[in-house]
Amino acid sequence: MVIELLKFKVPPELQEKYIQKDAEIWTTVLASYPGFLGKEVWTNPHDPTEIILVIHWATREVWKAIPQTELDATAQKFDESLGFVCEMVGSEEYVVGNG
């Protein structure tokens, strides 16, 4: 399993809207692809402006097989529906060990 970990700066008063739109748009699109295993949304107790998305994929290959055009279109739809700009401050990838 591979973990995609994304961090965004989102003002606390807008986080509820961000989380709702993310589930409505991004999670729906990602879940339509094989290999998507689930997604968690975390808030950072040490930084009230940070939202962390933890996305679980079966393999890196199935994750990276999503067409860039689909990702771009989804990002545009998400940004338009959100109505404000948030900054991505981190993007990491982890492989879950087998031992």
PDB file of N, CA and C in Angstrom:
ATOM      1  N   MET A   1       0.836  -1.181   0.000  1.00  0.00           N
ATOM      2  CA  MET A   1       0.000   0.000   0.000  1.00  0.00           C
ATOM      3  C   MET A   1       0.884   1.248   0.000  1.00  0.00           C
ATOM      4  N   VAL A   2       0.393   2.284  -0.663  1.00  0.00           N
ATOM      5  CA  VAL A   2       1.097   3.564  -0.739  1.00  0.00           C
ATOM      6  C   VAL A   2       0.195   4.634  -0.131  1.00  0.00           C
ATOM      7  N   ILE A   3       0.802   5.530   0.619  1.00  0.00           N
ATOM      8  CA  ILE A   3       0.088   6.649   1.231  1.00  0.00           C
ATOM      9  C   ILE A   3       0.499   7.938   0.534  1.00  0.00           C
ATOM     10  N   GLU A   4      -0.475   8.698   0.093  1.00  0.00           N
ATOM     11  CA  GLU A   4      -0.257  10.044  -0.440  1.00  0.00           C
ATOM     12  C   GLU A   4      -0.672  10.996   0.683  1.00  0.00           C
ATOM     13  N   LEU A   5       0.256  11.833   1.136  1.00  0.00           N
ATOM     14  CA  LEU A   5      -0.015  12.749   2.234  1.00  0.00           C
ATOM     15  C   LEU A   5       0.117  14.178   1.720  1.00  0.00           C
ATOM     16  N   LEU A   6      -0.967  14.936   1.814  1.00  0.00           N
ATOM     17  CA  LEU A   6      -0.992  16.314   1.328  1.00  0.00           C
ATOM     18  C   LEU A   6      -1.337  17.240   2.477  1.00  0.00           C
ATOM     19  N   LYS A   7      -0.647  18.390   2.538  1.00  0.00           N
ATOM     20  CA  LYS A   7      -0.920  19.378   3.580  1.00  0.00           C
ATOM     21  C   LYS A   7      -1.318  20.694   2.924  1.00  0.00           C
ATOM     22  N   PHE A   8      -2.399  21.291   3.458  1.00  0.00           N
ATOM     23  CA  PHE A   8      -2.904  22.555   2.945  1.00  0.00           C
ATOM     24  C   PHE A   8      -3.090  23.549   4.076  1.00  0.00           C
ATOM     25  N   LYS A   9      -2.843  24.826   3.777  1.00  0.00           N
ATOM     26  CA  LYS A   9      -3.150  25.910   4.700  1.00  0.00           C
ATOM     27  C   LYS A   9      -4.555  26.393   4.371  1.00  0.00           C
ATOM     28  N   VAL A  10      -5.448  26.282   5.341  1.00  0.00           N
ATOM     29  CA  VAL A  10      -6.837  26.683   5.170  1.00  0.00           C
ATOM     30  C   VAL A  10      -7.256  27.450   6.426  1.00  0.00           C
ATOM     31  N   PRO A  11      -7.746  28.674   6.276  1.00  0.00           N
ATOM     32  CA  PRO A  11      -8.188  29.420   7.457  1.00  0.00           C
ATOM     33  C   PRO A  11      -9.210  28.612   8.256  1.00  0.00           C
ATOM     34  N   PRO A  12      -9.105  28.610   9.584  1.00  0.00           N
ATOM     35  CA  PRO A  12     -10.002  27.792  10.411  1.00  0.00           C
ATOM     36  C   PRO A  12     -11.486  28.008  10.108  1.00  0.00           C
ATOM     37  N   GLU A  13     -11.889  29.217   9.820  1.00  0.00           N
ATOM     38  CA  GLU A  13     -13.305  29.490   9.576  1.00  0.00           C
ATOM     39  C   GLU A  13     -13.793  28.937   8.230  1.00  0.00           C
ATOM     40  N   LEU A  14     -12.870  28.503   7.374  1.00  0.00           N
ATOM     41  CA  LEU A  14     -13.235  27.957   6.062  1.00  0.00           C
ATOM     42  C   LEU A  14     -13.006  26.450   5.961  1.00  0.00           C
ATOM     43  N   GLN A  15     -12.516  25.851   7.024  1.00  0.00           N
ATOM     44  CA  GLN A  15     -12.158  24.432   6.964  1.00  0.00           C
ATOM     45  C   GLN A  15     -13.355  23.514   6.771  1.00  0.00           C
ATOM     46  N   GLU A  16     -14.480  23.840   7.378  1.00  0.00           N
ATOM     47  CA  GLU A  16     -15.659  22.989   7.212  1.00  0.00           C
ATOM     48  C   GLU A  16     -16.071  22.938   5.735  1.00  0.00           C
ATOM     49  N   LYS A  17     -16.069  24.092   5.075  1.00  0.00           N
ATOM     50  CA  LYS A  17     -16.412  24.143   3.650  1.00  0.00           C
ATOM     51  C   LYS A  17     -15.376  23.375   2.836  1.00  0.00           C
ATOM     52  N   TYR A  18     -14.098  23.552   3.142  1.00  0.00           N
ATOM     53  CA  TYR A  18     -13.023  22.862   2.432  1.00  0.00           C
ATOM     54  C   TYR A  18     -13.214  21.346   2.530  1.00  0.00           C
ATOM     55  N   ILE A  19     -13.437  20.854   3.732  1.00  0.00           N
ATOM     56  CA  ILE A  19     -13.581  19.415   3.956  1.00  0.00           C
ATOM     57  C   ILE A  19     -14.814  18.881   3.227  1.00  0.00           C
ATOM     58  N   GLN A  20     -15.912  19.617   3.255  1.00  0.00           N
ATOM     59  CA  GLN A  20     -17.134  19.198   2.564  1.00  0.00           C
ATOM     60  C   GLN A  20     -16.911  19.131   1.057  1.00  0.00           C
ATOM     61  N   LYS A  21     -16.322  20.180   0.475  1.00  0.00           N
ATOM     62  CA  LYS A  21     -16.103  20.208  -0.971  1.00  0.00           C
ATOM     63  C   LYS A  21     -15.077  19.162  -1.391  1.00  0.00           C
ATOM     64  N   ASP A  22     -14.068  18.925  -0.558  1.00  0.00           N
ATOM     65  CA  ASP A  22     -13.073  17.896  -0.863  1.00  0.00           C
ATOM     66  C   ASP A  22     -13.736  16.522  -0.946  1.00  0.00           C
ATOM     67  N   ALA A  23     -14.595  16.223   0.016  1.00  0.00           N
ATOM     68  CA  ALA A  23     -15.289  14.919   0.009  1.00  0.00           C
ATOM     69  C   ALA A  23     -16.217  14.813  -1.196  1.00  0.00           C
ATOM     70  N   GLU A  24     -16.920  15.886  -1.477  1.00  0.00           N
ATOM     71  CA  GLU A  24     -17.897  15.921  -2.562  1.00  0.00           C
ATOM     72  C   GLU A  24     -17.237  15.768  -3.937  1.00  0.00           C
ATOM     73  N   ILE A  25     -16.110  16.438  -4.120  1.00  0.00           N
ATOM     74  CA  ILE A  25     -15.486  16.492  -5.450  1.00  0.00           C
ATOM     75  C   ILE A  25     -14.293  15.551  -5.560  1.00  0.00           C
ATOM     76  N   TRP A  26     -13.242  15.806  -4.787  1.00  0.00           N
ATOM     77  CA  TRP A  26     -12.014  15.016  -4.930  1.00  0.00           C
ATOM     78  C   TRP A  26     -12.221  13.547  -4.572  1.00  0.00           C
ATOM     79  N   THR A  27     -12.807  13.292  -3.408  1.00  0.00           N
ATOM     80  CA  THR A  27     -12.938  11.899  -2.972  1.00  0.00           C
ATOM     81  C   THR A  27     -13.814  11.109  -3.939  1.00  0.00           C
ATOM     82  N   THR A  28     -14.885  11.731  -4.435  1.00  0.00           N
ATOM     83  CA  THR A  28     -15.759  11.059  -5.387  1.00  0.00           C
ATOM     84  C   THR A  28     -15.005  10.656  -6.654  1.00  0.00           C
ATOM     85  N   VAL A  29     -14.186  11.556  -7.176  1.00  0.00           N
ATOM     86  CA  VAL A  29     -13.414  11.260  -8.389  1.00  0.00           C
ATOM     87  C   VAL A  29     -12.377  10.169  -8.105  1.00  0.00           C
ATOM     88  N   LEU A  30     -11.610  10.333  -7.032  1.00  0.00           N
ATOM     89  CA  LEU A  30     -10.560   9.350  -6.732  1.00  0.00           C
ATOM     90  C   LEU A  30     -11.146   7.960  -6.490  1.00  0.00           C
ATOM     91  N   ALA A  31     -12.299   7.903  -5.824  1.00  0.00           N
ATOM     92  CA  ALA A  31     -12.916   6.619  -5.503  1.00  0.00           C
ATOM     93  C   ALA A  31     -13.395   5.874  -6.753  1.00  0.00           C
ATOM     94  N   SER A  32     -13.512   6.580  -7.856  1.00  0.00           N
ATOM     95  CA  SER A  32     -13.946   5.928  -9.096  1.00  0.00           C
ATOM     96  C   SER A  32     -12.806   5.179  -9.793  1.00  0.00           C
ATOM     97  N   TYR A  33     -11.593   5.331  -9.278  1.00  0.00           N
ATOM     98  CA  TYR A  33     -10.432   4.665  -9.880  1.00  0.00           C
ATOM     99  C   TYR A  33     -10.050   3.426  -9.093  1.00  0.00           C
ATOM    100  N   PRO A  34      -9.647   2.366  -9.819  1.00  0.00           N
ATOM    101  CA  PRO A  34      -9.213   1.154  -9.121  1.00  0.00           C
ATOM    102  C   PRO A  34      -7.957   1.452  -8.301  1.00  0.00           C
ATOM    103  N   GLY A  35      -7.864   0.799  -7.188  1.00  0.00           N
ATOM    104  CA  GLY A  35      -6.678   0.979  -6.350  1.00  0.00           C
ATOM    105  C   GLY A  35      -6.857   2.018  -5.263  1.00  0.00           C
ATOM    106  N   PHE A  36      -7.916   2.819  -5.325  1.00  0.00           N
ATOM    107  CA  PHE A  36      -8.207   3.777  -4.256  1.00  0.00           C
ATOM    108  C   PHE A  36      -8.765   2.993  -3.078  1.00  0.00           C
ATOM    109  N   LEU A  37      -8.103   3.094  -1.930  1.00  0.00           N
ATOM    110  CA  LEU A  37      -8.505   2.312  -0.767  1.00  0.00           C
ATOM    111  C   LEU A  37      -9.205   3.135   0.304  1.00  0.00           C
ATOM    112  N   GLY A  38      -9.063   4.450   0.244  1.00  0.00           N
ATOM    113  CA  GLY A  38      -9.712   5.283   1.248  1.00  0.00           C
ATOM    114  C   GLY A  38      -8.958   6.572   1.481  1.00  0.00           C
ATOM    115  N   LYS A  39      -9.571   7.431   2.279  1.00  0.00           N
ATOM    116  CA  LYS A  39      -9.002   8.754   2.516  1.00  0.00           C
ATOM    117  C   LYS A  39      -9.384   9.211   3.918  1.00  0.00           C
ATOM    118  N   GLU A  40      -8.434   9.837   4.571  1.00  0.00           N
ATOM    119  CA  GLU A  40      -8.664  10.417   5.892  1.00  0.00           C
ATOM    120  C   GLU A  40      -8.350  11.904   5.810  1.00  0.00           C
ATOM    121  N   VAL A  41      -9.081  12.702   6.581  1.00  0.00           N
ATOM    122  CA  VAL A  41      -8.829  14.132   6.662  1.00  0.00           C
ATOM    123  C   VAL A  41      -8.487  14.434   8.116  1.00  0.00           C
ATOM    124  N   TRP A  42      -7.319  15.009   8.319  1.00  0.00           N
ATOM    125  CA  TRP A  42      -6.859  15.330   9.667  1.00  0.00           C
ATOM    126  C   TRP A  42      -6.697  16.836   9.798  1.00  0.00           C
ATOM    127  N   THR A  43      -6.901  17.333  11.002  1.00  0.00           N
ATOM    128  CA  THR A  43      -6.540  18.713  11.317  1.00  0.00           C
ATOM    129  C   THR A  43      -5.371  18.644  12.292  1.00  0.00           C
ATOM    130  N   ASN A  44      -4.478  19.603  12.174  1.00  0.00           N
ATOM    131  CA  ASN A  44      -3.269  19.622  12.993  1.00  0.00           C
ATOM    132  C   ASN A  44      -3.556  20.373  14.300  1.00  0.00           C
ATOM    133  N   PRO A  45      -3.504  19.694  15.452  1.00  0.00           N
ATOM    134  CA  PRO A  45      -3.801  20.367  16.719  1.00  0.00           C
ATOM    135  C   PRO A  45      -2.754  21.431  17.082  1.00  0.00           C
ATOM    136  N   HIS A  46      -1.596  21.381  16.453  1.00  0.00           N
ATOM    137  CA  HIS A  46      -0.530  22.342  16.731  1.00  0.00           C
ATOM    138  C   HIS A  46      -0.526  23.506  15.754  1.00  0.00           C
ATOM    139  N   ASP A  47      -1.318  23.388  14.692  1.00  0.00           N
ATOM    140  CA  ASP A  47      -1.425  24.460  13.700  1.00  0.00           C
ATOM    141  C   ASP A  47      -2.867  24.485  13.194  1.00  0.00           C
ATOM    142  N   PRO A  48      -3.695  25.371  13.738  1.00  0.00           N
ATOM    143  CA  PRO A  48      -5.118  25.371  13.396  1.00  0.00           C
ATOM    144  C   PRO A  48      -5.420  25.758  11.946  1.00  0.00           C
ATOM    145  N   THR A  49      -4.401  26.123  11.187  1.00  0.00           N
ATOM    146  CA  THR A  49      -4.629  26.468   9.773  1.00  0.00           C
ATOM    147  C   THR A  49      -4.269  25.315   8.838  1.00  0.00           C
ATOM    148  N   GLU A  50      -3.879  24.173   9.384  1.00  0.00           N
ATOM    149  CA  GLU A  50      -3.396  23.081   8.532  1.00  0.00           C
ATOM    150  C   GLU A  50      -4.386  21.925   8.471  1.00  0.00           C
ATOM    151  N   ILE A  51      -4.691  21.508   7.231  1.00  0.00           N
ATOM    152  CA  ILE A  51      -5.482  20.306   6.969  1.00  0.00           C
ATOM    153  C   ILE A  51      -4.564  19.312   6.272  1.00  0.00           C
ATOM    154  N   ILE A  52      -4.627  18.070   6.714  1.00  0.00           N
ATOM    155  CA  ILE A  52      -3.794  17.013   6.153  1.00  0.00           C
ATOM    156  C   ILE A  52      -4.712  15.960   5.542  1.00  0.00           C
ATOM    157  N   LEU A  53      -4.446  15.625   4.294  1.00  0.00           N
ATOM    158  CA  LEU A  53      -5.202  14.580   3.603  1.00  0.00           C
ATOM    159  C   LEU A  53      -4.306  13.355   3.492  1.00  0.00           C
ATOM    160  N   VAL A  54      -4.806  12.216   3.937  1.00  0.00           N
ATOM    161  CA  VAL A  54      -4.066  10.963   3.892  1.00  0.00           C
ATOM    162  C   VAL A  54      -4.853  10.025   2.979  1.00  0.00           C
ATOM    163  N   ILE A  55      -4.295   9.777   1.790  1.00  0.00           N
ATOM    164  CA  ILE A  55      -4.997   8.990   0.781  1.00  0.00           C
ATOM    165  C   ILE A  55      -4.292   7.649   0.622  1.00  0.00           C
ATOM    166  N   HIS A  56      -5.055   6.584   0.713  1.00  0.00           N
ATOM    167  CA  HIS A  56      -4.509   5.227   0.659  1.00  0.00           C
ATOM    168  C   HIS A  56      -4.730   4.644  -0.740  1.00  0.00           C
ATOM    169  N   TRP A  57      -3.639   4.152  -1.332  1.00  0.00           N
ATOM    170  CA  TRP A  57      -3.679   3.530  -2.659  1.00  0.00           C
ATOM    171  C   TRP A  57      -3.130   2.116  -2.559  1.00  0.00           C
ATOM    172  N   ALA A  58      -3.661   1.213  -3.383  1.00  0.00           N
ATOM    173  CA  ALA A  58      -3.180  -0.175  -3.392  1.00  0.00           C
ATOM    174  C   ALA A  58      -1.717  -0.235  -3.836  1.00  0.00           C
ATOM    175  N   THR A  59      -1.388   0.504  -4.912  1.00  0.00           N
ATOM    176  CA  THR A  59      -0.009   0.560  -5.409  1.00  0.00           C
ATOM    177  C   THR A  59       0.254   1.954  -5.969  1.00  0.00           C
ATOM    178  N   ARG A  60       1.503   2.277  -6.113  1.00  0.00           N
ATOM    179  CA  ARG A  60       1.883   3.560  -6.714  1.00  0.00           C
ATOM    180  C   ARG A  60       1.445   3.608  -8.180  1.00  0.00           C
ATOM    181  N   GLU A  61       1.497   2.482  -8.842  1.00  0.00           N
ATOM    182  CA  GLU A  61       1.148   2.409 -10.265  1.00  0.00           C
ATOM    183  C   GLU A  61      -0.310   2.773 -10.516  1.00  0.00           C
ATOM    184  N   VAL A  62      -1.225   2.252  -9.678  1.00  0.00           N
ATOM    185  CA  VAL A  62      -2.637   2.583  -9.889  1.00  0.00           C
ATOM    186  C   VAL A  62      -2.911   4.045  -9.561  1.00  0.00           C
ATOM    187  N   TRP A  63      -2.228   4.576  -8.573  1.00  0.00           N
ATOM    188  CA  TRP A  63      -2.368   5.987  -8.213  1.00  0.00           C
ATOM    189  C   TRP A  63      -1.901   6.865  -9.370  1.00  0.00           C
ATOM    190  N   LYS A  64      -0.715   6.587  -9.878  1.00  0.00           N
ATOM    191  CA  LYS A  64      -0.126   7.425 -10.929  1.00  0.00           C
ATOM    192  C   LYS A  64      -0.755   7.194 -12.305  1.00  0.00           C
ATOM    193  N   ALA A  65      -1.634   6.186 -12.423  1.00  0.00           N
ATOM    194  CA  ALA A  65      -2.304   5.912 -13.702  1.00  0.00           C
ATOM    195  C   ALA A  65      -3.495   6.853 -13.946  1.00  0.00           C
ATOM    196  N   ILE A  66      -3.875   7.636 -12.943  1.00  0.00           N
ATOM    197  CA  ILE A  66      -4.981   8.580 -13.140  1.00  0.00           C
ATOM    198  C   ILE A  66      -4.514   9.635 -14.138  1.00  0.00           C
ATOM    199  N   PRO A  67      -5.267   9.854 -15.208  1.00  0.00           N
ATOM    200  CA  PRO A  67      -4.843  10.811 -16.237  1.00  0.00           C
ATOM    201  C   PRO A  67      -4.705  12.234 -15.685  1.00  0.00           C
ATOM    202  N   GLN A  68      -3.635  12.900 -16.101  1.00  0.00           N
ATOM    203  CA  GLN A  68      -3.395  14.274 -15.649  1.00  0.00           C
ATOM    204  C   GLN A  68      -4.554  15.195 -16.022  1.00  0.00           C
ATOM    205  N   THR A  69      -5.178  14.945 -17.170  1.00  0.00           N
ATOM    206  CA  THR A  69      -6.313  15.777 -17.580  1.00  0.00           C
ATOM    207  C   THR A  69      -7.462  15.663 -16.574  1.00  0.00           C
ATOM    208  N   GLU A  70      -7.671  14.471 -16.047  1.00  0.00           N
ATOM    209  CA  GLU A  70      -8.708  14.257 -15.027  1.00  0.00           C
ATOM    210  C   GLU A  70      -8.365  15.008 -13.743  1.00  0.00           C
ATOM    211  N   LEU A  71      -7.095  14.941 -13.345  1.00  0.00           N
ATOM    212  CA  LEU A  71      -6.652  15.650 -12.135  1.00  0.00           C
ATOM    213  C   LEU A  71      -6.791  17.161 -12.303  1.00  0.00           C
ATOM    214  N   ASP A  72      -6.406  17.667 -13.467  1.00  0.00           N
ATOM    215  CA  ASP A  72      -6.499  19.105 -13.730  1.00  0.00           C
ATOM    216  C   ASP A  72      -7.954  19.575 -13.723  1.00  0.00           C
ATOM    217  N   ALA A  73      -8.834  18.813 -14.366  1.00  0.00           N
ATOM    218  CA  ALA A  73     -10.254  19.178 -14.425  1.00  0.00           C
ATOM    219  C   ALA A  73     -10.874  19.143 -13.026  1.00  0.00           C
ATOM    220  N   THR A  74     -10.494  18.154 -12.238  1.00  0.00           N
ATOM    221  CA  THR A  74     -11.022  18.041 -10.874  1.00  0.00           C
ATOM    222  C   THR A  74     -10.513  19.193 -10.017  1.00  0.00           C
ATOM    223  N   ALA A  75      -9.252  19.541 -10.158  1.00  0.00           N
ATOM    224  CA  ALA A  75      -8.681  20.664  -9.408  1.00  0.00           C
ATOM    225  C   ALA A  75      -9.402  21.960  -9.753  1.00  0.00           C
ATOM    226  N   GLN A  76      -9.678  22.168 -11.026  1.00  0.00           N
ATOM    227  CA  GLN A  76     -10.370  23.382 -11.447  1.00  0.00           C
ATOM    228  C   GLN A  76     -11.788  23.431 -10.864  1.00  0.00           C
ATOM    229  N   LYS A  77     -12.500  22.322 -10.950  1.00  0.00           N
ATOM    230  CA  LYS A  77     -13.859  22.256 -10.400  1.00  0.00           C
ATOM    231  C   LYS A  77     -13.836  22.507  -8.893  1.00  0.00           C
ATOM    232  N   PHE A  78     -12.882  21.902  -8.201  1.00  0.00           N
ATOM    233  CA  PHE A  78     -12.765  22.074  -6.758  1.00  0.00           C
ATOM    234  C   PHE A  78     -12.478  23.529  -6.409  1.00  0.00           C
ATOM    235  N   ASP A  79     -11.490  24.123  -7.077  1.00  0.00           N
ATOM    236  CA  ASP A  79     -11.119  25.513  -6.801  1.00  0.00           C
ATOM    237  C   ASP A  79     -12.290  26.460  -7.034  1.00  0.00           C
ATOM    238  N   GLU A  80     -13.027  26.242  -8.117  1.00  0.00           N
ATOM    239  CA  GLU A  80     -14.182  27.098  -8.427  1.00  0.00           C
ATOM    240  C   GLU A  80     -15.285  26.949  -7.378  1.00  0.00           C
ATOM    241  N   SER A  81     -15.540  25.737  -6.928  1.00  0.00           N
ATOM    242  CA  SER A  81     -16.614  25.516  -5.957  1.00  0.00           C
ATOM    243  C   SER A  81     -16.227  26.014  -4.568  1.00  0.00           C
ATOM    244  N   LEU A  82     -14.927  26.026  -4.293  1.00  0.00           N
ATOM    245  CA  LEU A  82     -14.445  26.444  -2.985  1.00  0.00           C
ATOM    246  C   LEU A  82     -14.652  27.935  -2.764  1.00  0.00           C
ATOM    247  N   GLY A  83     -14.347  28.730  -3.774  1.00  0.00           N
ATOM    248  CA  GLY A  83     -14.550  30.159  -3.661  1.00  0.00           C
ATOM    249  C   GLY A  83     -13.439  30.901  -2.936  1.00  0.00           C
ATOM    250  N   PHE A  84     -12.380  30.207  -2.568  1.00  0.00           N
ATOM    251  CA  PHE A  84     -11.205  30.851  -1.985  1.00  0.00           C
ATOM    252  C   PHE A  84      -9.985  30.017  -2.335  1.00  0.00           C
ATOM    253  N   VAL A  85      -8.820  30.612  -2.211  1.00  0.00           N
ATOM    254  CA  VAL A  85      -7.577  29.933  -2.578  1.00  0.00           C
ATOM    255  C   VAL A  85      -6.904  29.410  -1.316  1.00  0.00           C
ATOM    256  N   CYS A  86      -6.498  28.148  -1.361  1.00  0.00           N
ATOM    257  CA  CYS A  86      -5.719  27.590  -0.260  1.00  0.00           C
ATOM    258  C   CYS A  86      -4.375  27.133  -0.816  1.00  0.00           C
ATOM    259  N   GLU A  87      -3.396  27.156   0.031  1.00  0.00           N
ATOM    260  CA  GLU A  87      -2.032  26.844  -0.400  1.00  0.00           C
ATOM    261  C   GLU A  87      -1.639  25.432   0.018  1.00  0.00           C
ATOM    262  N   MET A  88      -1.100  24.660  -0.951  1.00  0.00           N
ATOM    263  CA  MET A  88      -0.547  23.356  -0.607  1.00  0.00           C
ATOM    264  C   MET A  88       0.851  23.607  -0.026  1.00  0.00           C
ATOM    265  N   VAL A  89       1.088  23.109   1.170  1.00  0.00           N
ATOM    266  CA  VAL A  89       2.371  23.337   1.830  1.00  0.00           C
ATOM    267  C   VAL A  89       3.185  22.062   1.996  1.00  0.00           C
ATOM    268  N   GLY A  90       2.650  20.949   1.523  1.00  0.00           N
ATOM    269  CA  GLY A  90       3.399  19.707   1.620  1.00  0.00           C
ATOM    270  C   GLY A  90       2.768  18.612   0.788  1.00  0.00           C
ATOM    271  N   SER A  91       3.629  17.774   0.219  1.00  0.00           N
ATOM    272  CA  SER A  91       3.182  16.636  -0.565  1.00  0.00           C
ATOM    273  C   SER A  91       4.225  15.540  -0.390  1.00  0.00           C
ATOM    274  N   GLU A  92       3.797  14.430   0.196  1.00  0.00           N
ATOM    275  CA  GLU A  92       4.728  13.340   0.464  1.00  0.00           C
ATOM    276  C   GLU A  92       4.104  12.023   0.075  1.00  0.00           C
ATOM    277  N   GLU A  93       4.953  11.029  -0.045  1.00  0.00           N
ATOM    278  CA  GLU A  93       4.517   9.687  -0.435  1.00  0.00           C
ATOM    279  C   GLU A  93       5.218   8.693   0.473  1.00  0.00           C
ATOM    280  N   TYR A  94       4.460   7.717   0.961  1.00  0.00           N
ATOM    281  CA  TYR A  94       5.007   6.703   1.859  1.00  0.00           C
ATOM    282  C   TYR A  94       4.589   5.327   1.368  1.00  0.00           C
ATOM    283  N   VAL A  95       5.459   4.369   1.539  1.00  0.00           N
ATOM    284  CA  VAL A  95       5.132   2.978   1.242  1.00  0.00           C
ATOM    285  C   VAL A  95       4.952   2.271   2.575  1.00  0.00           C
ATOM    286  N   VAL A  96       3.837   1.583   2.714  1.00  0.00           N
ATOM    287  CA  VAL A  96       3.569   0.862   3.943  1.00  0.00           C
ATOM    288  C   VAL A  96       4.375  -0.419   3.944  1.00  0.00           C
ATOM    289  N   GLY A  97       5.156  -0.606   4.982  1.00  0.00           N
ATOM    290  CA  GLY A  97       6.026  -1.789   5.071  1.00  0.00           C
ATOM    291  C   GLY A  97       5.229  -3.063   5.303  1.00  0.00           C
ATOM    292  N   ASN A  98       5.825  -4.172   4.930  1.00  0.00           N
ATOM    293  CA  ASN A  98       5.168  -5.462   5.074  1.00  0.00           C
ATOM    294  C   ASN A  98       5.659  -6.243   6.286  1.00  0.00           C
ATOM    295  N   GLY A  99       6.486  -5.627   7.110  1.00  0.00           N
ATOM    296  CA  GLY A  99       7.019  -6.438   8.192  1.00  0.00           C
ATOM    297  C   GLY A  99       6.881  -5.797   9.477  1.00  0.00           C
TER     298      GLY A  99
END
